[in-house]
Protein backbone atom coordinates (compact mmCIF):
# COMPACT_ATOMS: atom_id res chain seq x y z
CA MET A 1 0.14 0.05 -0.01
CA ASP A 2 2.77 2.44 0.62
CA SER A 3 4.16 2.16 -2.84
CA LEU A 4 0.72 2.88 -4.08
CA ASP A 5 0.74 6.02 -2.17
CA ASN A 6 4.02 7.09 -3.77
CA VAL A 7 3.08 6.62 -6.99
CA THR A 8 -0.04 8.55 -6.47
CA ILE A 9 2.24 11.39 -5.03
CA LEU A 10 4.73 11.60 -7.98
CA GLU A 11 1.48 11.64 -10.81
CA SER A 12 0.00 14.75 -8.70
CA ALA A 13 3.22 16.46 -8.80
CA GLN A 14 3.82 15.83 -12.23
CA PRO A 15 1.26 18.81 -13.99
CA LYS A 16 2.10 21.09 -11.54
CA THR A 17 5.84 21.64 -12.61
CA LYS A 18 4.54 21.55 -16.10
CA THR A 19 1.94 24.44 -15.63
CA THR A 20 4.95 26.21 -13.54
CA LYS A 21 7.29 25.58 -16.47
CA GLN A 22 4.36 27.16 -18.97
CA ASN A 23 3.43 30.21 -16.51
CA LYS A 24 7.17 31.29 -16.71
CA LYS A 25 7.30 31.02 -20.49
CA ARG A 26 4.16 32.78 -20.38
CA LYS A 27 5.46 35.63 -17.88
CA TRP A 28 8.79 35.83 -19.47
CA ARG A 29 7.40 36.44 -22.83
CA GLU A 30 5.15 39.23 -21.12
CA ILE A 31 8.30 40.62 -20.04
CA GLU A 32 9.94 40.79 -23.17
CA ALA A 33 6.81 42.08 -24.86
CA TYR A 34 6.60 45.05 -22.23
CA LYS A 35 10.28 45.70 -22.86
CA ASP A 36 9.79 45.92 -26.73
CA LYS A 37 6.89 48.08 -26.42
CA GLN A 38 9.10 50.75 -23.88
CA LEU A 39 11.82 50.74 -26.41
CA LEU A 40 9.50 51.26 -29.60
CA GLU A 41 8.23 54.29 -27.35
CA LYS A 42 11.67 55.73 -26.72
CA GLU A 43 12.49 55.41 -30.23
CA LEU A 44 9.46 57.06 -31.12
CA GLU A 45 10.18 59.78 -28.88
CA ASP A 46 13.54 60.38 -30.07
CA LEU A 47 12.53 60.89 -33.69
CA ASP A 48 12.56 64.33 -34.99
CA TRP A 49 9.29 65.00 -36.20
CA SER A 50 9.90 68.76 -37.61
CA PHE A 51 12.20 67.22 -40.20
CA ASP A 52 11.60 67.98 -43.64
CA LEU A 53 12.90 66.10 -46.76
CA ASP A 54 11.64 68.50 -49.32
């Protein structure tokens, strides 16, 4: 009976690690998207809108 309890514990632990990895990847993507947005905003602020090619 003790070995069955160990198997049940191991099986229940596997989904948690999978979802944790997925959450970390999702969070990392959110951080990267936020950084990209900040960089784009900074680049747009640095543009000289008064420049004219004519």
